[in-house]
């Protein structure tokens, strides 16, 4: 009985390790896939801001043909990269180049 339990635990640990390895690979793939399209939009967004001086998330969403949430996420990533500034006004967020 002890030997069967030991084998069961070894198998369970192996499956757990295998599962966590697969999970990590899926997460890495997902993160790479998520950031690749965003990088291609960065240049387009920066050109739009350069042309218009100030833009809103809605304007960027229409320009890129993406949802407002996606455009807002792209813009926030550019703020984190210190390429644009965010100015919050009552009822609207304005984005401009640094």
PDB file of N, CA and C in Angstrom:
ATOM      1  N   UNK A   1       0.813  -1.190   0.000  1.00  0.00           N
ATOM      2  CA  UNK A   1       0.000   0.000   0.000  1.00  0.00           C
ATOM      3  C   UNK A   1       0.861   1.260   0.000  1.00  0.00           C
ATOM      4  N   UNK A   2       1.939   1.265   0.769  1.00  0.00           N
ATOM      5  CA  UNK A   2       2.823   2.418   0.853  1.00  0.00           C
ATOM      6  C   UNK A   2       3.486   2.665  -0.504  1.00  0.00           C
ATOM      7  N   UNK A   3       3.901   1.566  -1.178  1.00  0.00           N
ATOM      8  CA  UNK A   3       4.546   1.691  -2.484  1.00  0.00           C
ATOM      9  C   UNK A   3       3.566   2.268  -3.514  1.00  0.00           C
ATOM     10  N   UNK A   4       2.325   1.820  -3.487  1.00  0.00           N
ATOM     11  CA  UNK A   4       1.309   2.341  -4.408  1.00  0.00           C
ATOM     12  C   UNK A   4       1.085   3.822  -4.152  1.00  0.00           C
ATOM     13  N   UNK A   5       1.014   4.216  -2.889  1.00  0.00           N
ATOM     14  CA  UNK A   5       0.815   5.621  -2.533  1.00  0.00           C
ATOM     15  C   UNK A   5       2.011   6.458  -2.979  1.00  0.00           C
ATOM     16  N   UNK A   6       3.224   5.929  -2.798  1.00  0.00           N
ATOM     17  CA  UNK A   6       4.423   6.652  -3.228  1.00  0.00           C
ATOM     18  C   UNK A   6       4.416   6.839  -4.740  1.00  0.00           C
ATOM     19  N   UNK A   7       4.057   5.781  -5.486  1.00  0.00           N
ATOM     20  CA  UNK A   7       3.985   5.904  -6.948  1.00  0.00           C
ATOM     21  C   UNK A   7       2.917   6.912  -7.359  1.00  0.00           C
ATOM     22  N   UNK A   8       1.780   6.887  -6.680  1.00  0.00           N
ATOM     23  CA  UNK A   8       0.703   7.822  -6.968  1.00  0.00           C
ATOM     24  C   UNK A   8       1.172   9.263  -6.748  1.00  0.00           C
ATOM     25  N   UNK A   9       1.880   9.495  -5.637  1.00  0.00           N
ATOM     26  CA  UNK A   9       2.368  10.852  -5.348  1.00  0.00           C
ATOM     27  C   UNK A   9       3.409  11.288  -6.364  1.00  0.00           C
ATOM     28  N   UNK A  10       4.295  10.367  -6.785  1.00  0.00           N
ATOM     29  CA  UNK A  10       5.289  10.700  -7.805  1.00  0.00           C
ATOM     30  C   UNK A  10       4.605  11.101  -9.107  1.00  0.00           C
ATOM     31  N   UNK A  11       3.603  10.347  -9.494  1.00  0.00           N
ATOM     32  CA  UNK A  11       2.869  10.649 -10.726  1.00  0.00           C
ATOM     33  C   UNK A  11       2.158  11.993 -10.595  1.00  0.00           C
ATOM     34  N   UNK A  12       1.551  12.222  -9.447  1.00  0.00           N
ATOM     35  CA  UNK A  12       0.824  13.473  -9.229  1.00  0.00           C
ATOM     36  C   UNK A  12       1.789  14.664  -9.272  1.00  0.00           C
ATOM     37  N   UNK A  13       2.945  14.540  -8.656  1.00  0.00           N
ATOM     38  CA  UNK A  13       3.954  15.612  -8.679  1.00  0.00           C
ATOM     39  C   UNK A  13       4.437  15.840 -10.108  1.00  0.00           C
ATOM     40  N   UNK A  14       4.710  14.757 -10.848  1.00  0.00           N
ATOM     41  CA  UNK A  14       5.162  14.883 -12.234  1.00  0.00           C
ATOM     42  C   UNK A  14       4.112  15.588 -13.084  1.00  0.00           C
ATOM     43  N   UNK A  15       2.857  15.199 -12.926  1.00  0.00           N
ATOM     44  CA  UNK A  15       1.781  15.830 -13.698  1.00  0.00           C
ATOM     45  C   UNK A  15       1.662  17.298 -13.317  1.00  0.00           C
ATOM     46  N   UNK A  16       1.818  17.600 -12.033  1.00  0.00           N
ATOM     47  CA  UNK A  16       1.771  18.992 -11.580  1.00  0.00           C
ATOM     48  C   UNK A  16       2.881  19.820 -12.194  1.00  0.00           C
ATOM     49  N   UNK A  17       4.093  19.274 -12.224  1.00  0.00           N
ATOM     50  CA  UNK A  17       5.219  19.981 -12.836  1.00  0.00           C
ATOM     51  C   UNK A  17       5.009  20.153 -14.339  1.00  0.00           C
ATOM     52  N   UNK A  18       4.525  19.102 -14.987  1.00  0.00           N
ATOM     53  CA  UNK A  18       4.255  19.165 -16.415  1.00  0.00           C
ATOM     54  C   UNK A  18       3.197  20.218 -16.709  1.00  0.00           C
ATOM     55  N   UNK A  19       2.146  20.233 -15.913  1.00  0.00           N
ATOM     56  CA  UNK A  19       1.059  21.192 -16.084  1.00  0.00           C
ATOM     57  C   UNK A  19       1.560  22.620 -15.887  1.00  0.00           C
ATOM     58  N   UNK A  20       2.395  22.844 -14.853  1.00  0.00           N
ATOM     59  CA  UNK A  20       2.887  24.201 -14.619  1.00  0.00           C
ATOM     60  C   UNK A  20       3.809  24.634 -15.749  1.00  0.00           C
ATOM     61  N   UNK A  21       4.604  23.722 -16.315  1.00  0.00           N
ATOM     62  CA  UNK A  21       5.474  24.051 -17.447  1.00  0.00           C
ATOM     63  C   UNK A  21       4.632  24.442 -18.668  1.00  0.00           C
ATOM     64  N   UNK A  22       3.588  23.688 -18.928  1.00  0.00           N
ATOM     65  CA  UNK A  22       2.696  24.002 -20.048  1.00  0.00           C
ATOM     66  C   UNK A  22       2.019  25.344 -19.808  1.00  0.00           C
ATOM     67  N   UNK A  23       1.576  25.578 -18.583  1.00  0.00           N
ATOM     68  CA  UNK A  23       0.913  26.845 -18.257  1.00  0.00           C
ATOM     69  C   UNK A  23       1.851  28.019 -18.479  1.00  0.00           C
ATOM     70  N   UNK A  24       3.102  27.883 -18.055  1.00  0.00           N
ATOM     71  CA  UNK A  24       4.077  28.962 -18.238  1.00  0.00           C
ATOM     72  C   UNK A  24       4.296  29.232 -19.716  1.00  0.00           C
ATOM     73  N   UNK A  25       4.412  28.183 -20.533  1.00  0.00           N
ATOM     74  CA  UNK A  25       4.594  28.376 -21.966  1.00  0.00           C
ATOM     75  C   UNK A  25       3.395  29.061 -22.607  1.00  0.00           C
ATOM     76  N   UNK A  26       2.198  28.700 -22.178  1.00  0.00           N
ATOM     77  CA  UNK A  26       0.995  29.344 -22.706  1.00  0.00           C
ATOM     78  C   UNK A  26       0.984  30.821 -22.331  1.00  0.00           C
ATOM     79  N   UNK A  27       1.331  31.141 -21.087  1.00  0.00           N
ATOM     80  CA  UNK A  27       1.357  32.534 -20.646  1.00  0.00           C
ATOM     81  C   UNK A  27       2.400  33.317 -21.430  1.00  0.00           C
ATOM     82  N   UNK A  28       3.595  32.751 -21.617  1.00  0.00           N
ATOM     83  CA  UNK A  28       4.629  33.439 -22.394  1.00  0.00           C
ATOM     84  C   UNK A  28       4.142  33.695 -23.811  1.00  0.00           C
ATOM     85  N   UNK A  29       3.525  32.705 -24.428  1.00  0.00           N
ATOM     86  CA  UNK A  29       3.018  32.855 -25.792  1.00  0.00           C
ATOM     87  C   UNK A  29       1.950  33.936 -25.835  1.00  0.00           C
ATOM     88  N   UNK A  30       1.047  33.939 -24.870  1.00  0.00           N
ATOM     89  CA  UNK A  30      -0.031  34.923 -24.840  1.00  0.00           C
ATOM     90  C   UNK A  30       0.532  36.333 -24.706  1.00  0.00           C
ATOM     91  N   UNK A  31       1.524  36.526 -23.815  1.00  0.00           N
ATOM     92  CA  UNK A  31       2.095  37.856 -23.618  1.00  0.00           C
ATOM     93  C   UNK A  31       2.825  38.343 -24.856  1.00  0.00           C
ATOM     94  N   UNK A  32       3.536  37.453 -25.543  1.00  0.00           N
ATOM     95  CA  UNK A  32       4.217  37.840 -26.778  1.00  0.00           C
ATOM     96  C   UNK A  32       3.194  38.197 -27.837  1.00  0.00           C
ATOM     97  N   UNK A  33       2.161  37.392 -27.971  1.00  0.00           N
ATOM     98  CA  UNK A  33       1.123  37.653 -28.967  1.00  0.00           C
ATOM     99  C   UNK A  33       0.400  38.955 -28.664  1.00  0.00           C
ATOM    100  N   UNK A  34       0.207  39.277 -27.393  1.00  0.00           N
ATOM    101  CA  UNK A  34      -0.508  40.491 -27.022  1.00  0.00           C
ATOM    102  C   UNK A  34       0.315  41.735 -27.323  1.00  0.00           C
ATOM    103  N   UNK A  35       1.621  41.698 -27.098  1.00  0.00           N
ATOM    104  CA  UNK A  35       2.429  42.901 -27.267  1.00  0.00           C
ATOM    105  C   UNK A  35       2.820  43.146 -28.718  1.00  0.00           C
ATOM    106  N   UNK A  36       2.846  42.124 -29.560  1.00  0.00           N
ATOM    107  CA  UNK A  36       3.275  42.334 -30.943  1.00  0.00           C
ATOM    108  C   UNK A  36       2.368  43.298 -31.703  1.00  0.00           C
ATOM    109  N   UNK A  37       1.046  43.124 -31.694  1.00  0.00           N
ATOM    110  CA  UNK A  37       0.210  44.075 -32.412  1.00  0.00           C
ATOM    111  C   UNK A  37       0.301  45.473 -31.826  1.00  0.00           C
ATOM    112  N   UNK A  38       0.450  45.570 -30.506  1.00  0.00           N
ATOM    113  CA  UNK A  38       0.525  46.865 -29.868  1.00  0.00           C
ATOM    114  C   UNK A  38       1.745  47.634 -30.367  1.00  0.00           C
ATOM    115  N   UNK A  39       2.871  46.968 -30.508  1.00  0.00           N
ATOM    116  CA  UNK A  39       4.079  47.634 -30.983  1.00  0.00           C
ATOM    117  C   UNK A  39       3.884  48.202 -32.375  1.00  0.00           C
ATOM    118  N   UNK A  40       3.137  47.526 -33.218  1.00  0.00           N
ATOM    119  CA  UNK A  40       2.920  48.041 -34.564  1.00  0.00           C
ATOM    120  C   UNK A  40       2.018  49.267 -34.538  1.00  0.00           C
ATOM    121  N   UNK A  41       1.169  49.376 -33.510  1.00  0.00           N
ATOM    122  CA  UNK A  41       0.287  50.537 -33.397  1.00  0.00           C
ATOM    123  C   UNK A  41       0.995  51.748 -32.786  1.00  0.00           C
ATOM    124  N   UNK A  42       2.061  51.527 -32.038  1.00  0.00           N
ATOM    125  CA  UNK A  42       2.741  52.644 -31.382  1.00  0.00           C
ATOM    126  C   UNK A  42       3.149  53.726 -32.365  1.00  0.00           C
ATOM    127  N   UNK A  43       3.757  53.330 -33.467  1.00  0.00           N
ATOM    128  CA  UNK A  43       4.193  54.297 -34.473  1.00  0.00           C
ATOM    129  C   UNK A  43       3.020  55.055 -35.071  1.00  0.00           C
ATOM    130  N   UNK A  44       1.936  54.343 -35.346  1.00  0.00           N
ATOM    131  CA  UNK A  44       0.748  54.979 -35.911  1.00  0.00           C
ATOM    132  C   UNK A  44       0.160  55.993 -34.938  1.00  0.00           C
ATOM    133  N   UNK A  45       0.100  55.619 -33.666  1.00  0.00           N
ATOM    134  CA  UNK A  45      -0.451  56.520 -32.647  1.00  0.00           C
ATOM    135  C   UNK A  45       0.427  57.760 -32.516  1.00  0.00           C
ATOM    136  N   UNK A  46       1.729  57.565 -32.466  1.00  0.00           N
ATOM    137  CA  UNK A  46       2.641  58.708 -32.331  1.00  0.00           C
ATOM    138  C   UNK A  46       2.542  59.640 -33.535  1.00  0.00           C
ATOM    139  N   UNK A  47       2.390  59.088 -34.735  1.00  0.00           N
ATOM    140  CA  UNK A  47       2.213  59.925 -35.931  1.00  0.00           C
ATOM    141  C   UNK A  47       0.909  60.713 -35.861  1.00  0.00           C
ATOM    142  N   UNK A  48      -0.160  60.077 -35.394  1.00  0.00           N
ATOM    143  CA  UNK A  48      -1.450  60.757 -35.254  1.00  0.00           C
ATOM    144  C   UNK A  48      -1.339  61.904 -34.254  1.00  0.00           C
ATOM    145  N   UNK A  49      -0.668  61.667 -33.144  1.00  0.00           N
ATOM    146  CA  UNK A  49      -0.503  62.720 -32.136  1.00  0.00           C
ATOM    147  C   UNK A  49       0.382  63.836 -32.675  1.00  0.00           C
ATOM    148  N   UNK A  50       1.412  63.479 -33.421  1.00  0.00           N
ATOM    149  CA  UNK A  50       2.294  64.491 -34.004  1.00  0.00           C
ATOM    150  C   UNK A  50       1.515  65.385 -34.971  1.00  0.00           C
ATOM    151  N   UNK A  51       0.627  64.774 -35.740  1.00  0.00           N
ATOM    152  CA  UNK A  51      -0.166  65.508 -36.728  1.00  0.00           C
ATOM    153  C   UNK A  51      -1.223  66.391 -36.061  1.00  0.00           C
ATOM    154  N   UNK A  52      -1.936  65.845 -35.056  1.00  0.00           N
ATOM    155  CA  UNK A  52      -3.060  66.562 -34.447  1.00  0.00           C
ATOM    156  C   UNK A  52      -2.713  67.294 -33.164  1.00  0.00           C
ATOM    157  N   UNK A  53      -1.520  67.129 -32.649  1.00  0.00           N
ATOM    158  CA  UNK A  53      -1.046  67.717 -31.395  1.00  0.00           C
ATOM    159  C   UNK A  53      -1.711  67.105 -30.156  1.00  0.00           C
ATOM    160  N   UNK A  54      -3.041  67.008 -30.144  1.00  0.00           N
ATOM    161  CA  UNK A  54      -3.782  66.455 -29.004  1.00  0.00           C
ATOM    162  C   UNK A  54      -4.851  65.522 -29.553  1.00  0.00           C
ATOM    163  N   UNK A  55      -4.990  64.334 -28.932  1.00  0.00           N
ATOM    164  CA  UNK A  55      -6.020  63.382 -29.367  1.00  0.00           C
ATOM    165  C   UNK A  55      -6.749  62.826 -28.151  1.00  0.00           C
ATOM    166  N   UNK A  56      -7.905  62.235 -28.412  1.00  0.00           N
ATOM    167  CA  UNK A  56      -8.652  61.525 -27.375  1.00  0.00           C
ATOM    168  C   UNK A  56      -8.571  60.023 -27.656  1.00  0.00           C
ATOM    169  N   UNK A  57      -8.966  59.239 -26.687  1.00  0.00           N
ATOM    170  CA  UNK A  57      -8.970  57.782 -26.864  1.00  0.00           C
ATOM    171  C   UNK A  57      -9.936  57.383 -27.976  1.00  0.00           C
ATOM    172  N   UNK A  58     -11.054  58.071 -28.084  1.00  0.00           N
ATOM    173  CA  UNK A  58     -12.036  57.768 -29.128  1.00  0.00           C
ATOM    174  C   UNK A  58     -11.470  58.019 -30.518  1.00  0.00           C
ATOM    175  N   UNK A  59     -10.721  59.102 -30.674  1.00  0.00           N
ATOM    176  CA  UNK A  59     -10.111  59.400 -31.978  1.00  0.00           C
ATOM    177  C   UNK A  59      -9.093  58.326 -32.356  1.00  0.00           C
ATOM    178  N   UNK A  60      -8.306  57.906 -31.390  1.00  0.00           N
ATOM    179  CA  UNK A  60      -7.313  56.855 -31.649  1.00  0.00           C
ATOM    180  C   UNK A  60      -8.022  55.540 -31.980  1.00  0.00           C
ATOM    181  N   UNK A  61      -9.090  55.240 -31.269  1.00  0.00           N
ATOM    182  CA  UNK A  61      -9.855  54.009 -31.524  1.00  0.00           C
ATOM    183  C   UNK A  61     -10.416  54.007 -32.952  1.00  0.00           C
ATOM    184  N   UNK A  62     -10.988  55.110 -33.362  1.00  0.00           N
ATOM    185  CA  UNK A  62     -11.514  55.208 -34.735  1.00  0.00           C
ATOM    186  C   UNK A  62     -10.394  55.093 -35.758  1.00  0.00           C
ATOM    187  N   UNK A  63      -9.270  55.761 -35.500  1.00  0.00           N
ATOM    188  CA  UNK A  63      -8.135  55.756 -36.421  1.00  0.00           C
ATOM    189  C   UNK A  63      -7.568  54.347 -36.605  1.00  0.00           C
ATOM    190  N   UNK A  64      -7.447  53.593 -35.507  1.00  0.00           N
ATOM    191  CA  UNK A  64      -6.870  52.245 -35.566  1.00  0.00           C
ATOM    192  C   UNK A  64      -7.906  51.157 -35.839  1.00  0.00           C
ATOM    193  N   UNK A  65      -9.188  51.536 -35.796  1.00  0.00           N
ATOM    194  CA  UNK A  65     -10.287  50.575 -35.977  1.00  0.00           C
ATOM    195  C   UNK A  65     -10.246  49.488 -34.898  1.00  0.00           C
ATOM    196  N   UNK A  66     -10.102  49.957 -33.643  1.00  0.00           N
ATOM    197  CA  UNK A  66     -10.124  49.071 -32.483  1.00  0.00           C
ATOM    198  C   UNK A  66     -11.130  49.630 -31.479  1.00  0.00           C
ATOM    199  N   UNK A  67     -11.408  48.884 -30.425  1.00  0.00           N
ATOM    200  CA  UNK A  67     -12.335  49.365 -29.411  1.00  0.00           C
ATOM    201  C   UNK A  67     -11.698  50.502 -28.610  1.00  0.00           C
ATOM    202  N   UNK A  68     -12.554  51.264 -27.922  1.00  0.00           N
ATOM    203  CA  UNK A  68     -12.072  52.358 -27.092  1.00  0.00           C
ATOM    204  C   UNK A  68     -11.146  51.822 -26.009  1.00  0.00           C
ATOM    205  N   UNK A  69     -11.500  50.689 -25.401  1.00  0.00           N
ATOM    206  CA  UNK A  69     -10.679  50.108 -24.332  1.00  0.00           C
ATOM    207  C   UNK A  69      -9.296  49.721 -24.839  1.00  0.00           C
ATOM    208  N   UNK A  70      -9.237  49.153 -26.040  1.00  0.00           N
ATOM    209  CA  UNK A  70      -7.948  48.764 -26.614  1.00  0.00           C
ATOM    210  C   UNK A  70      -7.097  49.996 -26.889  1.00  0.00           C
ATOM    211  N   UNK A  71      -7.699  51.028 -27.476  1.00  0.00           N
ATOM    212  CA  UNK A  71      -6.972  52.268 -27.753  1.00  0.00           C
ATOM    213  C   UNK A  71      -6.464  52.886 -26.455  1.00  0.00           C
ATOM    214  N   UNK A  72      -7.295  52.900 -25.430  1.00  0.00           N
ATOM    215  CA  UNK A  72      -6.898  53.460 -24.142  1.00  0.00           C
ATOM    216  C   UNK A  72      -5.730  52.672 -23.553  1.00  0.00           C
ATOM    217  N   UNK A  73      -5.766  51.362 -23.712  1.00  0.00           N
ATOM    218  CA  UNK A  73      -4.676  50.516 -23.224  1.00  0.00           C
ATOM    219  C   UNK A  73      -3.372  50.826 -23.963  1.00  0.00           C
ATOM    220  N   UNK A  74      -3.437  50.969 -25.292  1.00  0.00           N
ATOM    221  CA  UNK A  74      -2.251  51.325 -26.074  1.00  0.00           C
ATOM    222  C   UNK A  74      -1.691  52.668 -25.622  1.00  0.00           C
ATOM    223  N   UNK A  75      -2.573  53.627 -25.397  1.00  0.00           N
ATOM    224  CA  UNK A  75      -2.139  54.958 -24.983  1.00  0.00           C
ATOM    225  C   UNK A  75      -1.499  54.917 -23.593  1.00  0.00           C
ATOM    226  N   UNK A  76      -2.068  54.155 -22.686  1.00  0.00           N
ATOM    227  CA  UNK A  76      -1.484  54.035 -21.347  1.00  0.00           C
ATOM    228  C   UNK A  76      -0.099  53.398 -21.406  1.00  0.00           C
ATOM    229  N   UNK A  77       0.080  52.420 -22.297  1.00  0.00           N
ATOM    230  CA  UNK A  77       1.399  51.804 -22.466  1.00  0.00           C
ATOM    231  C   UNK A  77       2.416  52.825 -22.974  1.00  0.00           C
ATOM    232  N   UNK A  78       1.985  53.730 -23.845  1.00  0.00           N
ATOM    233  CA  UNK A  78       2.888  54.775 -24.334  1.00  0.00           C
ATOM    234  C   UNK A  78       3.234  55.767 -23.229  1.00  0.00           C
ATOM    235  N   UNK A  79       2.305  56.012 -22.315  1.00  0.00           N
ATOM    236  CA  UNK A  79       2.598  56.873 -21.165  1.00  0.00           C
ATOM    237  C   UNK A  79       3.649  56.202 -20.290  1.00  0.00           C
ATOM    238  N   UNK A  80       3.502  54.907 -20.061  1.00  0.00           N
ATOM    239  CA  UNK A  80       4.468  54.158 -19.260  1.00  0.00           C
ATOM    240  C   UNK A  80       5.848  54.208 -19.911  1.00  0.00           C
ATOM    241  N   UNK A  81       5.884  54.148 -21.242  1.00  0.00           N
ATOM    242  CA  UNK A  81       7.153  54.227 -21.973  1.00  0.00           C
ATOM    243  C   UNK A  81       7.673  55.657 -22.047  1.00  0.00           C
ATOM    244  N   UNK A  82       6.946  56.613 -21.468  1.00  0.00           N
ATOM    245  CA  UNK A  82       7.322  58.020 -21.395  1.00  0.00           C
ATOM    246  C   UNK A  82       7.412  58.684 -22.778  1.00  0.00           C
ATOM    247  N   UNK A  83       6.511  58.284 -23.681  1.00  0.00           N
ATOM    248  CA  UNK A  83       6.495  58.866 -25.019  1.00  0.00           C
ATOM    249  C   UNK A  83       5.393  59.901 -25.194  1.00  0.00           C
ATOM    250  N   UNK A  84       4.315  59.771 -24.393  1.00  0.00           N
ATOM    251  CA  UNK A  84       3.223  60.736 -24.461  1.00  0.00           C
ATOM    252  C   UNK A  84       2.797  61.122 -23.051  1.00  0.00           C
ATOM    253  N   UNK A  85       1.998  62.198 -22.972  1.00  0.00           N
ATOM    254  CA  UNK A  85       1.456  62.652 -21.695  1.00  0.00           C
ATOM    255  C   UNK A  85      -0.040  62.483 -21.686  1.00  0.00           C
ATOM    256  N   UNK A  86      -0.578  62.346 -20.493  1.00  0.00           N
ATOM    257  CA  UNK A  86      -2.019  62.198 -20.307  1.00  0.00           C
ATOM    258  C   UNK A  86      -2.509  63.379 -19.482  1.00  0.00           C
ATOM    259  N   UNK A  87      -3.530  64.062 -19.984  1.00  0.00           N
ATOM    260  CA  UNK A  87      -4.138  65.161 -19.252  1.00  0.00           C
ATOM    261  C   UNK A  87      -5.606  64.827 -19.059  1.00  0.00           C
ATOM    262  N   UNK A  88      -6.014  64.716 -17.802  1.00  0.00           N
ATOM    263  CA  UNK A  88      -7.417  64.403 -17.500  1.00  0.00           C
ATOM    264  C   UNK A  88      -8.181  65.700 -17.316  1.00  0.00           C
ATOM    265  N   UNK A  89      -9.221  65.862 -18.091  1.00  0.00           N
ATOM    266  CA  UNK A  89     -10.156  66.973 -17.944  1.00  0.00           C
ATOM    267  C   UNK A  89     -11.485  66.379 -17.528  1.00  0.00           C
ATOM    268  N   UNK A  90     -12.399  67.239 -17.164  1.00  0.00           N
ATOM    269  CA  UNK A  90     -13.711  66.751 -16.758  1.00  0.00           C
ATOM    270  C   UNK A  90     -14.408  66.085 -17.934  1.00  0.00           C
ATOM    271  N   UNK A  91     -14.586  64.769 -17.849  1.00  0.00           N
ATOM    272  CA  UNK A  91     -15.306  64.021 -18.870  1.00  0.00           C
ATOM    273  C   UNK A  91     -14.474  63.587 -20.062  1.00  0.00           C
ATOM    274  N   UNK A  92     -13.196  63.953 -20.131  1.00  0.00           N
ATOM    275  CA  UNK A  92     -12.371  63.564 -21.283  1.00  0.00           C
ATOM    276  C   UNK A  92     -10.914  63.454 -20.847  1.00  0.00           C
ATOM    277  N   UNK A  93     -10.199  62.533 -21.484  1.00  0.00           N
ATOM    278  CA  UNK A  93      -8.761  62.402 -21.282  1.00  0.00           C
ATOM    279  C   UNK A  93      -8.081  62.792 -22.572  1.00  0.00           C
ATOM    280  N   UNK A  94      -7.138  63.705 -22.484  1.00  0.00           N
ATOM    281  CA  UNK A  94      -6.395  64.178 -23.645  1.00  0.00           C
ATOM    282  C   UNK A  94      -5.000  63.584 -23.619  1.00  0.00           C
ATOM    283  N   UNK A  95      -4.503  63.245 -24.793  1.00  0.00           N
ATOM    284  CA  UNK A  95      -3.173  62.638 -24.921  1.00  0.00           C
ATOM    285  C   UNK A  95      -2.352  63.520 -25.841  1.00  0.00           C
ATOM    286  N   UNK A  96      -1.119  63.844 -25.431  1.00  0.00           N
ATOM    287  CA  UNK A  96      -0.235  64.648 -26.270  1.00  0.00           C
ATOM    288  C   UNK A  96       1.180  64.138 -26.168  1.00  0.00           C
ATOM    289  N   UNK A  97       1.954  64.473 -27.180  1.00  0.00           N
ATOM    290  CA  UNK A  97       3.331  63.986 -27.258  1.00  0.00           C
ATOM    291  C   UNK A  97       4.212  64.769 -26.300  1.00  0.00           C
ATOM    292  N   UNK A  98       5.179  64.101 -25.715  1.00  0.00           N
ATOM    293  CA  UNK A  98       6.129  64.771 -24.808  1.00  0.00           C
ATOM    294  C   UNK A  98       7.159  65.521 -25.589  1.00  0.00           C
TER     295      UNK A  98
END
